[in-house]
Amino acid sequence: MWECVRKDAREWFGIYSDDDILEFIFQLSQGEELQYRNTEELRSSALHGVMVDAYTFRSLCRPGYVAFFKIPGRNNWVVKSLHQDDEAVPSFALALKKAGIGKGDFKK
């Protein structure tokens, strides 16, 4: 799970170190940037009944999504997701990204 968080943090927000990822999330939680989206059960065969809280935010005009959960019986929180909020991105922009088309691919 953390490897996906790392990859997405680099790709979407330019954050590379584990400490910087955690600091980024902590800073979001200190302001009013986080908007509650939902709470759903974790889809994992190993952790039944664990609830995941999801939030959206904007960082440098980019829509983001972060989700986390608490491990039962421990005092540890796990970051499940940190990436672009696909629901807030126009569908055309998503289609271009999925097709691998970037700004440099267009001609004037």
C-alpha atoms as a PDB file:
ATOM      1  CA  MET A   1       0.000   0.000   0.000  1.00  0.00           C
ATOM      2  CA  TRP A   2       2.753   2.472   0.963  1.00  0.00           C
ATOM      3  CA  GLU A   3       4.585   1.895  -2.326  1.00  0.00           C
ATOM      4  CA  CYS A   4       1.481   3.058  -4.220  1.00  0.00           C
ATOM      5  CA  VAL A   5       1.223   6.095  -1.946  1.00  0.00           C
ATOM      6  CA  ARG A   6       4.899   6.922  -2.662  1.00  0.00           C
ATOM      7  CA  LYS A   7       4.479   6.527  -6.423  1.00  0.00           C
ATOM      8  CA  ASP A   8       1.343   8.665  -6.535  1.00  0.00           C
ATOM      9  CA  ALA A   9       2.828  11.332  -4.237  1.00  0.00           C
ATOM     10  CA  ARG A  10       5.786  11.673  -6.619  1.00  0.00           C
ATOM     11  CA  GLU A  11       3.623  11.665  -9.742  1.00  0.00           C
ATOM     12  CA  TRP A  12       0.844  14.011  -8.623  1.00  0.00           C
ATOM     13  CA  PHE A  13       2.438  16.302  -6.034  1.00  0.00           C
ATOM     14  CA  GLY A  14       6.213  16.090  -6.585  1.00  0.00           C
ATOM     15  CA  ILE A  15       6.814  14.702  -3.085  1.00  0.00           C
ATOM     16  CA  TYR A  16       9.623  12.146  -2.867  1.00  0.00           C
ATOM     17  CA  SER A  17      10.561  11.241   0.702  1.00  0.00           C
ATOM     18  CA  ASP A  18       8.470   9.342   3.241  1.00  0.00           C
ATOM     19  CA  ASP A  19       8.943  12.139   5.773  1.00  0.00           C
ATOM     20  CA  ASP A  20       7.797  14.755   3.246  1.00  0.00           C
ATOM     21  CA  ILE A  21       4.698  12.713   2.384  1.00  0.00           C
ATOM     22  CA  LEU A  22       3.723  12.472   6.036  1.00  0.00           C
ATOM     23  CA  GLU A  23       4.460  16.179   6.596  1.00  0.00           C
ATOM     24  CA  PHE A  24       2.324  17.068   3.556  1.00  0.00           C
ATOM     25  CA  ILE A  25      -0.630  15.101   4.957  1.00  0.00           C
ATOM     26  CA  PHE A  26      -0.100  16.559   8.429  1.00  0.00           C
ATOM     27  CA  GLN A  27      -0.074  20.104   7.035  1.00  0.00           C
ATOM     28  CA  LEU A  28      -3.335  19.417   5.173  1.00  0.00           C
ATOM     29  CA  SER A  29      -4.920  18.263   8.415  1.00  0.00           C
ATOM     30  CA  GLN A  30      -3.909  21.474  10.207  1.00  0.00           C
ATOM     31  CA  GLY A  31      -5.843  23.749   7.890  1.00  0.00           C
ATOM     32  CA  GLU A  32      -9.268  23.740   6.379  1.00  0.00           C
ATOM     33  CA  GLU A  33      -8.046  22.239   3.114  1.00  0.00           C
ATOM     34  CA  LEU A  34      -9.434  18.754   3.801  1.00  0.00           C
ATOM     35  CA  GLN A  35     -13.038  18.106   2.834  1.00  0.00           C
ATOM     36  CA  TYR A  36     -14.587  14.897   4.129  1.00  0.00           C
ATOM     37  CA  ARG A  37     -15.685  12.589   1.294  1.00  0.00           C
ATOM     38  CA  ASN A  38     -16.770   9.313   2.892  1.00  0.00           C
ATOM     39  CA  THR A  39     -16.043   6.364   5.160  1.00  0.00           C
ATOM     40  CA  GLU A  40     -16.051   2.900   3.629  1.00  0.00           C
ATOM     41  CA  GLU A  41     -14.967  -0.558   4.667  1.00  0.00           C
ATOM     42  CA  LEU A  42     -11.441  -1.478   3.578  1.00  0.00           C
ATOM     43  CA  ARG A  43     -11.503  -3.946   0.707  1.00  0.00           C
ATOM     44  CA  SER A  44      -8.896  -6.329   2.054  1.00  0.00           C
ATOM     45  CA  SER A  45      -9.101 -10.006   2.853  1.00  0.00           C
ATOM     46  CA  ALA A  46      -6.715  -9.568   5.774  1.00  0.00           C
ATOM     47  CA  LEU A  47      -8.426  -6.721   7.628  1.00  0.00           C
ATOM     48  CA  HIS A  48     -12.188  -7.291   7.845  1.00  0.00           C
ATOM     49  CA  GLY A  49     -14.306  -4.535   9.338  1.00  0.00           C
ATOM     50  CA  VAL A  50     -11.643  -1.813   9.083  1.00  0.00           C
ATOM     51  CA  MET A  51     -13.117   1.530   8.060  1.00  0.00           C
ATOM     52  CA  VAL A  52     -11.268   3.921   5.732  1.00  0.00           C
ATOM     53  CA  ASP A  53     -11.825   7.686   5.926  1.00  0.00           C
ATOM     54  CA  ALA A  54     -11.394   9.609   2.662  1.00  0.00           C
ATOM     55  CA  TYR A  55     -10.902  13.338   2.145  1.00  0.00           C
ATOM     56  CA  THR A  56     -10.378  15.657  -0.803  1.00  0.00           C
ATOM     57  CA  PHE A  57      -8.224  18.783  -0.938  1.00  0.00           C
ATOM     58  CA  ARG A  58      -6.566  21.279  -3.277  1.00  0.00           C
ATOM     59  CA  SER A  59      -2.810  21.776  -3.341  1.00  0.00           C
ATOM     60  CA  LEU A  60      -1.265  24.260  -5.759  1.00  0.00           C
ATOM     61  CA  CYS A  61      -4.572  24.271  -7.646  1.00  0.00           C
ATOM     62  CA  ARG A  62      -4.444  20.473  -8.013  1.00  0.00           C
ATOM     63  CA  PRO A  63      -7.366  18.443  -6.694  1.00  0.00           C
ATOM     64  CA  GLY A  64      -6.186  15.720  -4.344  1.00  0.00           C
ATOM     65  CA  TYR A  65      -7.534  12.696  -2.496  1.00  0.00           C
ATOM     66  CA  VAL A  66      -6.193  11.141   0.697  1.00  0.00           C
ATOM     67  CA  ALA A  67      -7.521   8.099   2.562  1.00  0.00           C
ATOM     68  CA  PHE A  68      -6.338   6.441   5.754  1.00  0.00           C
ATOM     69  CA  PHE A  69      -7.360   3.933   8.418  1.00  0.00           C
ATOM     70  CA  LYS A  70      -6.397   2.813  11.912  1.00  0.00           C
ATOM     71  CA  ILE A  71      -5.075  -0.694  12.465  1.00  0.00           C
ATOM     72  CA  PRO A  72      -7.343  -2.468  14.987  1.00  0.00           C
ATOM     73  CA  GLY A  73      -5.724  -3.113  18.356  1.00  0.00           C
ATOM     74  CA  ARG A  74      -2.831  -0.745  17.635  1.00  0.00           C
ATOM     75  CA  ASN A  75      -2.274   2.965  17.809  1.00  0.00           C
ATOM     76  CA  ASN A  76      -1.049   3.086  14.190  1.00  0.00           C
ATOM     77  CA  TRP A  77      -2.661   4.876  11.284  1.00  0.00           C
ATOM     78  CA  VAL A  78      -2.043   3.770   7.698  1.00  0.00           C
ATOM     79  CA  VAL A  79      -2.171   6.029   4.657  1.00  0.00           C
ATOM     80  CA  LYS A  80      -4.092   4.054   2.056  1.00  0.00           C
ATOM     81  CA  SER A  81      -4.133   6.569  -0.807  1.00  0.00           C
ATOM     82  CA  LEU A  82      -2.681   9.935  -1.780  1.00  0.00           C
ATOM     83  CA  HIS A  83      -3.322  10.952  -5.366  1.00  0.00           C
ATOM     84  CA  GLN A  84      -5.165  13.249  -7.712  1.00  0.00           C
ATOM     85  CA  ASP A  85      -8.898  13.429  -7.084  1.00  0.00           C
ATOM     86  CA  ASP A  86     -10.220  11.950 -10.320  1.00  0.00           C
ATOM     87  CA  GLU A  87     -13.765  13.070  -9.536  1.00  0.00           C
ATOM     88  CA  ALA A  88     -12.650  16.722  -9.566  1.00  0.00           C
ATOM     89  CA  VAL A  89     -10.653  16.537 -12.810  1.00  0.00           C
ATOM     90  CA  PRO A  90     -12.437  17.246 -16.082  1.00  0.00           C
ATOM     91  CA  SER A  91     -12.990  14.069 -18.078  1.00  0.00           C
ATOM     92  CA  PHE A  92     -11.101  15.465 -21.076  1.00  0.00           C
ATOM     93  CA  ALA A  93      -7.963  15.944 -18.965  1.00  0.00           C
ATOM     94  CA  LEU A  94      -8.258  12.369 -17.680  1.00  0.00           C
ATOM     95  CA  ALA A  95      -8.716  11.031 -21.210  1.00  0.00           C
ATOM     96  CA  LEU A  96      -5.546  12.815 -22.350  1.00  0.00           C
ATOM     97  CA  LYS A  97      -3.568  11.418 -19.406  1.00  0.00           C
ATOM     98  CA  LYS A  98      -4.807   7.865 -19.957  1.00  0.00           C
ATOM     99  CA  ALA A  99      -3.886   8.135 -23.637  1.00  0.00           C
ATOM    100  CA  GLY A 100      -0.396   9.314 -22.697  1.00  0.00           C
ATOM    101  CA  ILE A 101      -0.875  12.676 -24.398  1.00  0.00           C
ATOM    102  CA  GLY A 102       0.947  15.579 -22.776  1.00  0.00           C
ATOM    103  CA  LYS A 103       1.191  19.315 -23.443  1.00  0.00           C
ATOM    104  CA  GLY A 104       4.290  18.750 -25.576  1.00  0.00           C
ATOM    105  CA  ASP A 105       2.348  16.509 -27.951  1.00  0.00           C
ATOM    106  CA  PHE A 106       0.258  19.422 -29.243  1.00  0.00           C
ATOM    107  CA  LYS A 107       1.501  21.654 -32.067  1.00  0.00           C
ATOM    108  CA  LYS A 108       0.878  25.385 -32.394  1.00  0.00           C
END
